[in-house]
Amino acid sequence: MRPIARRVLASFAVLGLLSIVAPLLAQNDPAVGVWKLNSAKSSYDPGPVPSTGTTTITAVGPAIKISGRGVDAAGKPTLTEYTGAFDGKDTVVVGSPAFDSMSMKRIDANTTEVTRKKAGKVVQTARRVISQDGKTMTLTTIGTDGQGRKINNVTVYEKQ
């Protein structure tokens, strides 16, 4: 077999394998599931912590869809949604007053980093860590909120 033909065949084999494995990556993400906010274990600077919150994470092919619903500390309902892959590319976010797009990168099986932007400017970075037992998700966020205040928030969720 000629060297070029071998390379083409090898490329098709790799692409075929990726088409099988890539959708499974999001499905095996330990974050997939329903998570309930634990206000007592969370801390917001400046505060206060939201009253309630539920985040639902579902696999959508190689990406994940995140839907966060809750009630903020002032009693107003909140809803934030987006679908994105761990490819570092921006995706549209609906419902957040602080940011309108975000990108994600996977650090390891249980850790991801998120960059959030408003009108193309980075306003927040967040690190999501799933505990080894898969029962706790901790989101540490720094940056500015929708009112331009500096934030340093640790949000703790428990898997339902």
N, C-alpha and C. Protein backbone atom coordinates (compact mmCIF):
# COMPACT_ATOMS: atom_id res chain seq x y z
N MET A 1 0.85 -1.17 0.00
CA MET A 1 0.00 0.00 0.00
C MET A 1 0.89 1.24 0.00
N ARG A 2 0.51 2.24 -0.75
CA ARG A 2 1.29 3.46 -0.86
C ARG A 2 1.18 4.28 0.43
N PRO A 3 2.23 5.06 0.77
CA PRO A 3 2.22 5.84 2.02
C PRO A 3 1.04 6.80 2.12
N ILE A 4 0.67 7.44 1.02
CA ILE A 4 -0.46 8.37 1.05
C ILE A 4 -1.75 7.62 1.32
N ALA A 5 -1.92 6.49 0.70
CA ALA A 5 -3.12 5.69 0.92
C ALA A 5 -3.21 5.24 2.38
N ARG A 6 -2.07 4.88 2.97
CA ARG A 6 -2.05 4.48 4.39
C ARG A 6 -2.47 5.63 5.29
N ARG A 7 -1.98 6.83 4.99
CA ARG A 7 -2.34 8.01 5.79
C ARG A 7 -3.83 8.31 5.68
N VAL A 8 -4.36 8.22 4.47
CA VAL A 8 -5.79 8.48 4.27
C VAL A 8 -6.61 7.45 5.03
N LEU A 9 -6.23 6.19 4.92
CA LEU A 9 -6.94 5.12 5.63
C LEU A 9 -6.85 5.32 7.14
N ALA A 10 -5.68 5.67 7.64
CA ALA A 10 -5.50 5.92 9.07
C ALA A 10 -6.35 7.11 9.52
N SER A 11 -6.41 8.16 8.70
CA SER A 11 -7.22 9.33 9.04
C SER A 11 -8.69 8.96 9.15
N PHE A 12 -9.19 8.16 8.21
CA PHE A 12 -10.58 7.73 8.27
C PHE A 12 -10.84 6.86 9.49
N ALA A 13 -9.89 6.03 9.85
CA ALA A 13 -10.04 5.17 11.04
C ALA A 13 -10.13 6.03 12.30
N VAL A 14 -9.28 7.06 12.40
CA VAL A 14 -9.31 7.95 13.57
C VAL A 14 -10.62 8.72 13.61
N LEU A 15 -11.06 9.26 12.48
CA LEU A 15 -12.33 9.98 12.43
C LEU A 15 -13.50 9.07 12.81
N GLY A 16 -13.47 7.84 12.35
CA GLY A 16 -14.52 6.89 12.70
C GLY A 16 -14.55 6.61 14.19
N LEU A 17 -13.39 6.44 14.78
CA LEU A 17 -13.30 6.20 16.22
C LEU A 17 -13.79 7.41 17.00
N LEU A 18 -13.40 8.61 16.57
CA LEU A 18 -13.85 9.82 17.24
C LEU A 18 -15.37 9.98 17.15
N SER A 19 -15.96 9.62 16.03
CA SER A 19 -17.41 9.75 15.88
C SER A 19 -18.15 8.82 16.83
N ILE A 20 -17.50 7.75 17.25
CA ILE A 20 -18.10 6.83 18.21
C ILE A 20 -17.84 7.30 19.64
N VAL A 21 -16.61 7.74 19.93
CA VAL A 21 -16.20 8.09 21.28
C VAL A 21 -16.70 9.47 21.71
N ALA A 22 -16.67 10.46 20.83
CA ALA A 22 -17.02 11.84 21.21
C ALA A 22 -18.39 11.96 21.86
N PRO A 23 -19.45 11.36 21.30
CA PRO A 23 -20.75 11.48 21.97
C PRO A 23 -20.77 10.85 23.36
N LEU A 24 -19.95 9.85 23.59
CA LEU A 24 -19.91 9.19 24.89
C LEU A 24 -19.24 10.03 25.95
N LEU A 25 -18.35 10.96 25.54
CA LEU A 25 -17.64 11.78 26.51
C LEU A 25 -18.60 12.60 27.36
N ALA A 26 -19.56 13.27 26.75
CA ALA A 26 -20.52 14.07 27.51
C ALA A 26 -21.44 13.17 28.31
N GLN A 27 -21.83 12.02 27.76
CA GLN A 27 -22.72 11.12 28.47
C GLN A 27 -22.06 10.56 29.73
N ASN A 28 -20.75 10.41 29.72
CA ASN A 28 -20.03 9.90 30.88
C ASN A 28 -19.54 11.01 31.80
N ASP A 29 -19.88 12.25 31.51
CA ASP A 29 -19.48 13.38 32.34
C ASP A 29 -20.13 13.23 33.71
N PRO A 30 -19.35 13.25 34.81
CA PRO A 30 -19.93 13.08 36.14
C PRO A 30 -20.85 14.23 36.54
N ALA A 31 -20.85 15.32 35.78
CA ALA A 31 -21.73 16.44 36.08
C ALA A 31 -23.15 16.23 35.56
N VAL A 32 -23.34 15.29 34.64
CA VAL A 32 -24.67 15.06 34.08
C VAL A 32 -25.61 14.60 35.19
N GLY A 33 -26.75 15.29 35.30
CA GLY A 33 -27.73 14.96 36.32
C GLY A 33 -28.42 16.22 36.83
N VAL A 34 -29.13 16.08 37.93
CA VAL A 34 -29.84 17.19 38.55
C VAL A 34 -29.14 17.51 39.86
N TRP A 35 -28.84 18.81 40.05
CA TRP A 35 -28.09 19.28 41.21
C TRP A 35 -28.90 20.34 41.95
N LYS A 36 -28.96 20.21 43.27
CA LYS A 36 -29.69 21.18 44.09
C LYS A 36 -28.69 22.02 44.89
N LEU A 37 -28.91 23.34 44.90
CA LEU A 37 -28.08 24.27 45.64
C LEU A 37 -28.13 23.98 47.13
N ASN A 38 -26.96 23.94 47.76
CA ASN A 38 -26.88 23.86 49.22
C ASN A 38 -26.44 25.24 49.70
N SER A 39 -27.43 26.07 50.05
CA SER A 39 -27.16 27.46 50.46
C SER A 39 -26.28 27.54 51.69
N ALA A 40 -26.45 26.61 52.62
CA ALA A 40 -25.68 26.63 53.87
C ALA A 40 -24.19 26.42 53.63
N LYS A 41 -23.82 25.65 52.61
CA LYS A 41 -22.41 25.37 52.33
C LYS A 41 -21.82 26.35 51.31
N SER A 42 -22.66 27.18 50.70
CA SER A 42 -22.21 28.14 49.68
C SER A 42 -21.86 29.47 50.33
N SER A 43 -20.98 30.22 49.66
CA SER A 43 -20.64 31.56 50.15
C SER A 43 -20.51 32.51 48.97
N TYR A 44 -21.10 33.68 49.11
CA TYR A 44 -21.04 34.71 48.07
C TYR A 44 -20.44 35.97 48.66
N ASP A 45 -19.46 36.52 47.96
CA ASP A 45 -18.86 37.78 48.35
C ASP A 45 -18.90 38.71 47.16
N PRO A 46 -19.73 39.76 47.13
CA PRO A 46 -20.65 40.10 48.21
C PRO A 46 -21.87 39.19 48.19
N GLY A 47 -22.50 39.06 49.30
CA GLY A 47 -23.68 38.20 49.42
C GLY A 47 -24.91 38.90 48.94
N PRO A 48 -26.00 38.34 49.16
CA PRO A 48 -26.24 37.05 49.80
C PRO A 48 -26.31 35.91 48.78
N VAL A 49 -26.31 34.68 49.28
CA VAL A 49 -26.44 33.47 48.48
C VAL A 49 -27.89 33.39 47.97
N PRO A 50 -28.12 32.88 46.76
CA PRO A 50 -29.50 32.70 46.29
C PRO A 50 -30.32 31.85 47.27
N SER A 51 -31.64 32.06 47.27
CA SER A 51 -32.53 31.31 48.16
C SER A 51 -32.60 29.84 47.76
N THR A 52 -32.82 29.58 46.47
CA THR A 52 -32.92 28.22 45.97
C THR A 52 -32.26 28.15 44.60
N GLY A 53 -31.95 26.93 44.19
CA GLY A 53 -31.39 26.74 42.86
C GLY A 53 -31.31 25.27 42.50
N THR A 54 -31.67 24.98 41.28
CA THR A 54 -31.54 23.63 40.73
C THR A 54 -30.89 23.75 39.37
N THR A 55 -29.83 23.00 39.16
CA THR A 55 -29.14 22.98 37.88
C THR A 55 -29.28 21.58 37.28
N THR A 56 -29.77 21.55 36.04
CA THR A 56 -29.92 20.28 35.32
C THR A 56 -28.90 20.26 34.19
N ILE A 57 -28.08 19.22 34.17
CA ILE A 57 -27.05 19.08 33.14
C ILE A 57 -27.33 17.80 32.36
N THR A 58 -27.50 17.93 31.05
CA THR A 58 -27.79 16.79 30.19
C THR A 58 -26.77 16.71 29.07
N ALA A 59 -26.51 15.50 28.62
CA ALA A 59 -25.61 15.28 27.49
C ALA A 59 -26.36 15.52 26.19
N VAL A 60 -25.74 16.25 25.29
CA VAL A 60 -26.28 16.51 23.96
C VAL A 60 -25.16 16.22 22.97
N GLY A 61 -25.06 14.94 22.57
CA GLY A 61 -23.93 14.53 21.74
C GLY A 61 -22.65 14.74 22.51
N PRO A 62 -21.64 15.39 21.91
CA PRO A 62 -20.39 15.63 22.62
C PRO A 62 -20.45 16.86 23.54
N ALA A 63 -21.59 17.54 23.57
CA ALA A 63 -21.75 18.76 24.37
C ALA A 63 -22.62 18.48 25.59
N ILE A 64 -22.80 19.50 26.41
CA ILE A 64 -23.74 19.42 27.52
C ILE A 64 -24.67 20.61 27.48
N LYS A 65 -25.89 20.39 27.95
CA LYS A 65 -26.87 21.47 28.08
C LYS A 65 -27.04 21.72 29.57
N ILE A 66 -26.94 22.99 29.96
CA ILE A 66 -27.08 23.37 31.36
C ILE A 66 -28.27 24.31 31.48
N SER A 67 -29.16 23.96 32.40
CA SER A 67 -30.33 24.79 32.70
C SER A 67 -30.35 25.02 34.20
N GLY A 68 -30.18 26.27 34.60
CA GLY A 68 -30.18 26.63 36.01
C GLY A 68 -31.41 27.45 36.35
N ARG A 69 -32.21 26.97 37.29
CA ARG A 69 -33.42 27.67 37.73
C ARG A 69 -33.33 27.88 39.23
N GLY A 70 -33.89 28.99 39.68
CA GLY A 70 -33.89 29.22 41.11
C GLY A 70 -34.60 30.50 41.48
N VAL A 71 -34.33 30.91 42.71
CA VAL A 71 -34.85 32.16 43.24
C VAL A 71 -33.68 32.88 43.89
N ASP A 72 -33.46 34.14 43.48
CA ASP A 72 -32.34 34.87 44.06
C ASP A 72 -32.67 35.34 45.48
N ALA A 73 -31.72 35.97 46.12
CA ALA A 73 -31.89 36.39 47.51
C ALA A 73 -33.00 37.43 47.67
N ALA A 74 -33.33 38.15 46.60
CA ALA A 74 -34.40 39.15 46.65
C ALA A 74 -35.77 38.54 46.34
N GLY A 75 -35.80 37.22 46.09
CA GLY A 75 -37.07 36.56 45.82
C GLY A 75 -37.48 36.53 44.36
N LYS A 76 -36.59 36.97 43.46
CA LYS A 76 -36.90 36.95 42.03
C LYS A 76 -36.49 35.64 41.40
N PRO A 77 -37.34 35.08 40.52
CA PRO A 77 -36.97 33.84 39.84
C PRO A 77 -35.81 34.07 38.86
N THR A 78 -34.96 33.04 38.71
CA THR A 78 -33.83 33.11 37.79
C THR A 78 -33.87 31.91 36.86
N LEU A 79 -33.37 32.09 35.65
CA LEU A 79 -33.25 31.01 34.67
C LEU A 79 -32.07 31.34 33.76
N THR A 80 -31.10 30.44 33.70
CA THR A 80 -29.96 30.59 32.81
C THR A 80 -29.79 29.29 32.06
N GLU A 81 -29.61 29.38 30.72
CA GLU A 81 -29.47 28.18 29.90
C GLU A 81 -28.41 28.36 28.83
N TYR A 82 -27.72 27.26 28.54
CA TYR A 82 -26.80 27.22 27.41
C TYR A 82 -26.44 25.78 27.09
N THR A 83 -25.94 25.59 25.87
CA THR A 83 -25.43 24.29 25.43
C THR A 83 -24.04 24.54 24.86
N GLY A 84 -23.06 23.79 25.35
CA GLY A 84 -21.71 23.99 24.88
C GLY A 84 -20.86 22.74 25.00
N ALA A 85 -19.78 22.74 24.27
CA ALA A 85 -18.81 21.63 24.30
C ALA A 85 -17.56 22.11 25.02
N PHE A 86 -16.70 21.19 25.37
CA PHE A 86 -15.45 21.50 26.07
C PHE A 86 -14.34 21.77 25.05
N ASP A 87 -14.62 22.72 24.15
CA ASP A 87 -13.70 23.00 23.06
C ASP A 87 -13.10 24.40 23.11
N GLY A 88 -13.42 25.16 24.16
CA GLY A 88 -12.90 26.51 24.29
C GLY A 88 -13.58 27.53 23.40
N LYS A 89 -14.63 27.13 22.69
CA LYS A 89 -15.34 28.05 21.79
C LYS A 89 -16.53 28.66 22.50
N ASP A 90 -16.79 29.94 22.20
CA ASP A 90 -17.91 30.64 22.82
C ASP A 90 -19.24 30.07 22.38
N THR A 91 -20.18 30.04 23.33
CA THR A 91 -21.55 29.65 23.06
C THR A 91 -22.47 30.66 23.72
N VAL A 92 -23.64 30.86 23.18
CA VAL A 92 -24.60 31.85 23.68
C VAL A 92 -25.22 31.38 24.99
N VAL A 93 -25.35 32.31 25.92
CA VAL A 93 -26.01 32.07 27.20
C VAL A 93 -27.27 32.92 27.26
N VAL A 94 -28.37 32.31 27.67
CA VAL A 94 -29.65 33.01 27.78
C VAL A 94 -30.00 33.15 29.25
N GLY A 95 -30.41 34.36 29.65
CA GLY A 95 -30.98 34.56 30.98
C GLY A 95 -30.08 35.17 32.02
N SER A 96 -28.79 35.28 31.79
CA SER A 96 -27.90 35.83 32.80
C SER A 96 -27.71 37.34 32.60
N PRO A 97 -27.91 38.13 33.65
CA PRO A 97 -27.64 39.57 33.51
C PRO A 97 -26.14 39.88 33.52
N ALA A 98 -25.31 38.94 33.99
CA ALA A 98 -23.87 39.19 34.11
C ALA A 98 -23.08 38.83 32.86
N PHE A 99 -23.55 37.84 32.07
CA PHE A 99 -22.80 37.41 30.89
C PHE A 99 -23.75 36.90 29.82
N ASP A 100 -23.30 36.98 28.55
CA ASP A 100 -24.15 36.55 27.43
C ASP A 100 -23.51 35.45 26.58
N SER A 101 -22.27 35.09 26.92
CA SER A 101 -21.62 33.96 26.24
C SER A 101 -20.61 33.34 27.20
N MET A 102 -20.20 32.13 26.88
CA MET A 102 -19.22 31.43 27.70
C MET A 102 -18.54 30.37 26.88
N SER A 103 -17.37 29.93 27.38
CA SER A 103 -16.65 28.82 26.76
C SER A 103 -16.18 27.90 27.89
N MET A 104 -16.02 26.61 27.54
CA MET A 104 -15.62 25.63 28.55
C MET A 104 -14.41 24.84 28.08
N LYS A 105 -13.58 24.45 29.06
CA LYS A 105 -12.45 23.55 28.81
C LYS A 105 -12.42 22.52 29.92
N ARG A 106 -12.18 21.28 29.54
CA ARG A 106 -12.07 20.21 30.53
C ARG A 106 -10.62 20.14 31.00
N ILE A 107 -10.43 20.14 32.33
CA ILE A 107 -9.10 20.02 32.92
C ILE A 107 -8.80 18.54 33.17
N ASP A 108 -9.75 17.83 33.78
CA ASP A 108 -9.67 16.39 33.98
C ASP A 108 -11.10 15.86 34.05
N ALA A 109 -11.28 14.61 34.36
CA ALA A 109 -12.61 13.99 34.35
C ALA A 109 -13.61 14.72 35.24
N ASN A 110 -13.15 15.32 36.35
CA ASN A 110 -14.06 15.95 37.31
C ASN A 110 -13.95 17.47 37.37
N THR A 111 -13.09 18.06 36.55
CA THR A 111 -12.84 19.50 36.65
C THR A 111 -12.97 20.17 35.29
N THR A 112 -13.69 21.29 35.27
CA THR A 112 -13.78 22.11 34.06
C THR A 112 -13.54 23.57 34.42
N GLU A 113 -13.09 24.31 33.43
CA GLU A 113 -12.94 25.76 33.58
C GLU A 113 -13.85 26.45 32.59
N VAL A 114 -14.48 27.52 33.05
CA VAL A 114 -15.44 28.26 32.25
C VAL A 114 -15.00 29.72 32.20
N THR A 115 -15.06 30.31 31.01
CA THR A 115 -14.81 31.73 30.83
C THR A 115 -16.12 32.36 30.36
N ARG A 116 -16.60 33.35 31.11
CA ARG A 116 -17.87 34.01 30.81
C ARG A 116 -17.60 35.42 30.30
N LYS A 117 -18.36 35.81 29.27
CA LYS A 117 -18.16 37.12 28.65
C LYS A 117 -19.47 37.89 28.55
N LYS A 118 -19.33 39.20 28.55
CA LYS A 118 -20.45 40.11 28.30
C LYS A 118 -20.00 41.02 27.17
N ALA A 119 -20.73 41.01 26.06
CA ALA A 119 -20.39 41.82 24.89
C ALA A 119 -18.94 41.60 24.46
N GLY A 120 -18.47 40.33 24.53
CA GLY A 120 -17.14 39.97 24.08
C GLY A 120 -16.03 40.17 25.08
N LYS A 121 -16.32 40.79 26.24
CA LYS A 121 -15.30 41.05 27.26
C LYS A 121 -15.43 40.03 28.39
N VAL A 122 -14.30 39.43 28.82
CA VAL A 122 -14.32 38.47 29.92
C VAL A 122 -14.75 39.19 31.20
N VAL A 123 -15.79 38.65 31.86
CA VAL A 123 -16.28 39.24 33.11
C VAL A 123 -16.18 38.27 34.29
N GLN A 124 -16.10 36.96 34.01
CA GLN A 124 -16.01 35.97 35.08
C GLN A 124 -15.23 34.75 34.60
N THR A 125 -14.56 34.12 35.54
CA THR A 125 -14.01 32.79 35.30
C THR A 125 -14.55 31.89 36.41
N ALA A 126 -14.79 30.65 36.07
CA ALA A 126 -15.35 29.71 37.04
C ALA A 126 -14.67 28.37 36.89
N ARG A 127 -14.53 27.70 38.00
CA ARG A 127 -13.95 26.34 38.02
C ARG A 127 -14.98 25.43 38.66
N ARG A 128 -15.38 24.40 37.92
CA ARG A 128 -16.36 23.43 38.42
C ARG A 128 -15.65 22.14 38.76
N VAL A 129 -15.84 21.66 40.00
CA VAL A 129 -15.22 20.42 40.44
C VAL A 129 -16.31 19.49 40.98
N ILE A 130 -16.30 18.28 40.45
CA ILE A 130 -17.20 17.23 40.95
C ILE A 130 -16.39 16.39 41.93
N SER A 131 -16.94 16.15 43.11
CA SER A 131 -16.24 15.34 44.12
C SER A 131 -15.99 13.94 43.59
N GLN A 132 -15.01 13.25 44.18
CA GLN A 132 -14.66 11.90 43.73
C GLN A 132 -15.84 10.93 43.86
N ASP A 133 -16.70 11.13 44.86
CA ASP A 133 -17.85 10.23 45.01
C ASP A 133 -19.01 10.64 44.10
N GLY A 134 -18.87 11.76 43.38
CA GLY A 134 -19.88 12.20 42.42
C GLY A 134 -21.13 12.81 43.04
N LYS A 135 -21.10 13.12 44.34
CA LYS A 135 -22.30 13.61 45.02
C LYS A 135 -22.32 15.12 45.22
N THR A 136 -21.16 15.78 45.06
CA THR A 136 -21.08 17.22 45.30
C THR A 136 -20.42 17.91 44.11
N MET A 137 -20.99 19.04 43.71
CA MET A 137 -20.42 19.87 42.66
C MET A 137 -20.14 21.24 43.28
N THR A 138 -18.90 21.71 43.16
CA THR A 138 -18.52 23.01 43.70
C THR A 138 -18.11 23.90 42.54
N LEU A 139 -18.72 25.08 42.47
CA LEU A 139 -18.44 26.05 41.42
C LEU A 139 -17.84 27.29 42.08
N THR A 140 -16.58 27.58 41.77
CA THR A 140 -15.90 28.75 42.32
C THR A 140 -15.81 29.79 41.21
N THR A 141 -16.41 30.96 41.45
CA THR A 141 -16.51 32.00 40.42
C THR A 141 -15.89 33.29 40.92
N ILE A 142 -15.02 33.89 40.08
CA ILE A 142 -14.47 35.22 40.37
C ILE A 142 -14.72 36.11 39.17
N GLY A 143 -14.79 37.41 39.41
CA GLY A 143 -15.01 38.37 38.33
C GLY A 143 -15.92 39.48 38.79
N THR A 144 -16.83 39.89 37.90
CA THR A 144 -17.81 40.92 38.24
C THR A 144 -19.21 40.41 37.93
N ASP A 145 -20.18 40.90 38.72
CA ASP A 145 -21.57 40.50 38.51
C ASP A 145 -22.25 41.45 37.52
N GLY A 146 -23.55 41.28 37.34
CA GLY A 146 -24.31 42.10 36.40
C GLY A 146 -24.37 43.57 36.78
N GLN A 147 -24.05 43.89 38.03
CA GLN A 147 -24.04 45.28 38.50
C GLN A 147 -22.64 45.87 38.52
N GLY A 148 -21.65 45.08 38.05
CA GLY A 148 -20.28 45.56 37.99
C GLY A 148 -19.50 45.40 39.29
N ARG A 149 -20.09 44.74 40.30
CA ARG A 149 -19.40 44.52 41.57
C ARG A 149 -18.46 43.33 41.46
N LYS A 150 -17.30 43.41 42.11
CA LYS A 150 -16.38 42.27 42.16
C LYS A 150 -17.02 41.16 42.97
N ILE A 151 -16.90 39.92 42.45
CA ILE A 151 -17.45 38.77 43.15
C ILE A 151 -16.39 37.70 43.36
N ASN A 152 -16.59 36.93 44.42
CA ASN A 152 -15.79 35.75 44.72
C ASN A 152 -16.77 34.77 45.37
N ASN A 153 -17.39 33.93 44.55
CA ASN A 153 -18.47 33.06 45.01
C ASN A 153 -18.07 31.60 44.98
N VAL A 154 -18.50 30.88 45.99
CA VAL A 154 -18.35 29.42 46.02
C VAL A 154 -19.76 28.87 46.17
N THR A 155 -20.22 28.19 45.11
CA THR A 155 -21.57 27.64 45.09
C THR A 155 -21.45 26.12 45.18
N VAL A 156 -22.14 25.55 46.15
CA VAL A 156 -22.08 24.10 46.39
C VAL A 156 -23.43 23.50 46.04
N TYR A 157 -23.40 22.43 45.23
CA TYR A 157 -24.60 21.70 44.82
C TYR A 157 -24.48 20.24 45.26
N GLU A 158 -25.62 19.62 45.50
CA GLU A 158 -25.66 18.20 45.82
C GLU A 158 -26.49 17.50 44.76
N LYS A 159 -25.99 16.34 44.33
CA LYS A 159 -26.65 15.58 43.28
C LYS A 159 -27.95 14.99 43.81
N GLN A 160 -28.99 15.07 43.02
CA GLN A 160 -30.30 14.57 43.41
C GLN A 160 -30.54 13.19 42.85
